[in-house]
C-alpha atoms as a PDB file:
ATOM      1  CA  THR A   1      -5.851 -14.498  -2.865  1.00  0.00           C
ATOM      2  CA  TYR A   2      -3.199 -13.026  -0.569  1.00  0.00           C
ATOM      3  CA  GLY A   3      -2.528 -16.440   0.937  1.00  0.00           C
ATOM      4  CA  ASN A   4      -2.309 -18.022  -2.509  1.00  0.00           C
ATOM      5  CA  LEU A   5       0.236 -15.445  -3.668  1.00  0.00           C
ATOM      6  CA  THR A   6       2.407 -15.608  -0.574  1.00  0.00           C
ATOM      7  CA  GLY A   7       2.067 -19.399  -0.647  1.00  0.00           C
ATOM      8  CA  ALA A   8       3.438 -19.320  -4.214  1.00  0.00           C
ATOM      9  CA  GLY A   9       6.593 -17.626  -2.965  1.00  0.00           C
ATOM     10  CA  PHE A  10       5.708 -13.943  -3.261  1.00  0.00           C
ATOM     11  CA  THR A  11       6.752 -11.643  -0.419  1.00  0.00           C
ATOM     12  CA  ASP A  12       4.757  -8.623   0.715  1.00  0.00           C
ATOM     13  CA  ALA A  13       6.906  -5.466   0.587  1.00  0.00           C
ATOM     14  CA  TRP A  14       4.779  -3.725   3.238  1.00  0.00           C
ATOM     15  CA  SER A  15       5.067  -6.550   5.756  1.00  0.00           C
ATOM     16  CA  VAL A  16       8.846  -6.708   5.278  1.00  0.00           C
ATOM     17  CA  THR A  17       9.506  -2.986   5.607  1.00  0.00           C
ATOM     18  CA  ARG A  18       6.734  -2.015   8.056  1.00  0.00           C
ATOM     19  CA  PRO A  19       6.132  -5.023  10.302  1.00  0.00           C
ATOM     20  CA  GLY A  20       3.281  -4.509  12.722  1.00  0.00           C
ATOM     21  CA  GLU A  21       1.825  -1.520  10.839  1.00  0.00           C
ATOM     22  CA  LEU A  22      -1.570  -1.926   9.165  1.00  0.00           C
ATOM     23  CA  GLY A  23      -0.908  -0.146   5.859  1.00  0.00           C
ATOM     24  CA  ASN A  24      -4.633   0.319   5.173  1.00  0.00           C
ATOM     25  CA  THR A  25      -5.434   1.892   1.823  1.00  0.00           C
ATOM     26  CA  PHE A  26      -9.229   1.675   1.466  1.00  0.00           C
ATOM     27  CA  GLY A  27     -11.963   3.699   3.091  1.00  0.00           C
ATOM     28  CA  HIS A  28     -12.517   7.104   1.515  1.00  0.00           C
ATOM     29  CA  GLU A  29     -16.235   7.908   1.323  1.00  0.00           C
ATOM     30  CA  PRO A  30     -17.937   7.056  -2.003  1.00  0.00           C
ATOM     31  CA  LEU A  31     -18.387  10.721  -2.998  1.00  0.00           C
ATOM     32  CA  LEU A  32     -14.687  11.345  -2.216  1.00  0.00           C
ATOM     33  CA  ARG A  33     -15.440  14.435  -0.106  1.00  0.00           C
ATOM     34  CA  ASN A  34     -14.488  13.154   3.361  1.00  0.00           C
ATOM     35  CA  THR A  35     -12.439  15.635   5.390  1.00  0.00           C
ATOM     36  CA  THR A  36     -11.043  13.022   7.754  1.00  0.00           C
ATOM     37  CA  VAL A  37      -9.067   9.928   6.868  1.00  0.00           C
ATOM     38  CA  ASN A  38     -10.370   6.596   8.130  1.00  0.00           C
ATOM     39  CA  LEU A  39      -8.783   3.904   5.996  1.00  0.00           C
ATOM     40  CA  THR A  40     -10.090   0.548   7.204  1.00  0.00           C
ATOM     41  CA  GLU A  41      -8.766  -2.126   4.819  1.00  0.00           C
ATOM     42  CA  ARG A  42      -5.533  -2.957   3.085  1.00  0.00           C
ATOM     43  CA  ILE A  43      -6.376  -3.630  -0.558  1.00  0.00           C
ATOM     44  CA  ASP A  44      -3.216  -2.415  -2.326  1.00  0.00           C
ATOM     45  CA  LEU A  45      -0.163  -4.657  -2.405  1.00  0.00           C
ATOM     46  CA  VAL A  46       3.359  -4.721  -3.780  1.00  0.00           C
ATOM     47  CA  LEU A  47       4.503  -8.327  -3.970  1.00  0.00           C
ATOM     48  CA  PHE A  48       7.832  -9.647  -5.190  1.00  0.00           C
ATOM     49  CA  ARG A  49       9.899 -12.807  -5.399  1.00  0.00           C
ATOM     50  CA  GLY A  50      13.245 -13.921  -6.679  1.00  0.00           C
ATOM     51  CA  SER A  51      16.490 -11.982  -6.565  1.00  0.00           C
ATOM     52  CA  VAL A  52      15.061  -8.756  -5.184  1.00  0.00           C
ATOM     53  CA  SER A  53      14.378  -7.249  -1.774  1.00  0.00           C
ATOM     54  CA  ALA A  54      12.045  -4.606  -0.391  1.00  0.00           C
ATOM     55  CA  ILE A  55      13.867  -1.481   0.760  1.00  0.00           C
ATOM     56  CA  ASN A  56      10.893   0.616   1.897  1.00  0.00           C
ATOM     57  CA  ALA A  57       7.168   1.090   1.387  1.00  0.00           C
ATOM     58  CA  ASP A  58       4.707   3.904   1.990  1.00  0.00           C
ATOM     59  CA  VAL A  59       0.986   4.585   1.701  1.00  0.00           C
ATOM     60  CA  VAL A  60       0.250   7.552  -0.607  1.00  0.00           C
ATOM     61  CA  GLY A  61      -2.973   9.492  -1.087  1.00  0.00           C
ATOM     62  CA  ASP A  62      -3.853   9.344   2.603  1.00  0.00           C
ATOM     63  CA  GLU A  63      -3.127  12.950   3.637  1.00  0.00           C
ATOM     64  CA  LEU A  64      -5.645  15.808   3.424  1.00  0.00           C
ATOM     65  CA  GLY A  65      -3.177  17.695   1.244  1.00  0.00           C
ATOM     66  CA  ASP A  66      -3.437  14.933  -1.383  1.00  0.00           C
ATOM     67  CA  ARG A  67      -6.954  16.033  -2.345  1.00  0.00           C
ATOM     68  CA  THR A  68      -7.625  17.986  -5.525  1.00  0.00           C
ATOM     69  CA  PRO A  69      -8.079  21.772  -5.329  1.00  0.00           C
ATOM     70  CA  SER A  70     -11.864  21.216  -5.257  1.00  0.00           C
ATOM     71  CA  GLY A  71     -11.501  18.995  -2.167  1.00  0.00           C
ATOM     72  CA  LEU A  72     -11.972  15.574  -3.769  1.00  0.00           C
ATOM     73  CA  TRP A  73      -9.760  12.578  -3.181  1.00  0.00           C
ATOM     74  CA  PRO A  74      -8.202  11.346  -6.452  1.00  0.00           C
ATOM     75  CA  SER A  75      -9.507   7.809  -5.787  1.00  0.00           C
ATOM     76  CA  ASP A  76     -11.724   5.862  -3.398  1.00  0.00           C
ATOM     77  CA  HIS A  77      -8.563   4.415  -1.875  1.00  0.00           C
ATOM     78  CA  ALA A  78      -5.003   5.427  -1.210  1.00  0.00           C
ATOM     79  CA  GLY A  79      -2.129   3.711  -2.940  1.00  0.00           C
ATOM     80  CA  LEU A  80       0.962   1.816  -1.957  1.00  0.00           C
ATOM     81  CA  MET A  81       4.416   2.360  -3.354  1.00  0.00           C
ATOM     82  CA  ALA A  82       7.567   0.410  -2.603  1.00  0.00           C
ATOM     83  CA  ARG A  83      11.224   0.640  -3.459  1.00  0.00           C
ATOM     84  CA  ILE A  84      12.547  -2.731  -4.555  1.00  0.00           C
ATOM     85  CA  GLY A  85      16.262  -3.530  -4.739  1.00  0.00           C
ATOM     86  CA  LEU A  86      17.506  -5.790  -7.497  1.00  0.00           C
ATOM     87  CA  GLY A  87      20.033  -8.552  -7.143  1.00  0.00           C
ATOM     88  CA  GLN A  88      19.451  -9.466  -3.506  1.00  0.00           C
ATOM     89  CA  GLU A  89      17.801 -12.792  -2.812  1.00  0.00           C
ATOM     90  CA  ILE A  90      15.444 -12.721   0.156  1.00  0.00           C
ATOM     91  CA  GLU A  91      15.324 -15.824   2.317  1.00  0.00           C
END
């Protein structure tokens, strides 16, 4: 799917703003109680095309402090957020 999307002209905000970094977002234990972070796959994407550009991107929900007061992770994976600038065509 990733290859199909990038082949259709979409650009990956993570790859543009964090080249060489993995950006993994999946890997919390199924019961969401893990006390260490070992994210092993990148399943969250921010893709764009057209007259926009990626300014920055960050993985969220990957720090121990992101857990709920009871010690659970909010999801089985972290998330990805990106700041996208309008009006700038990317080559």
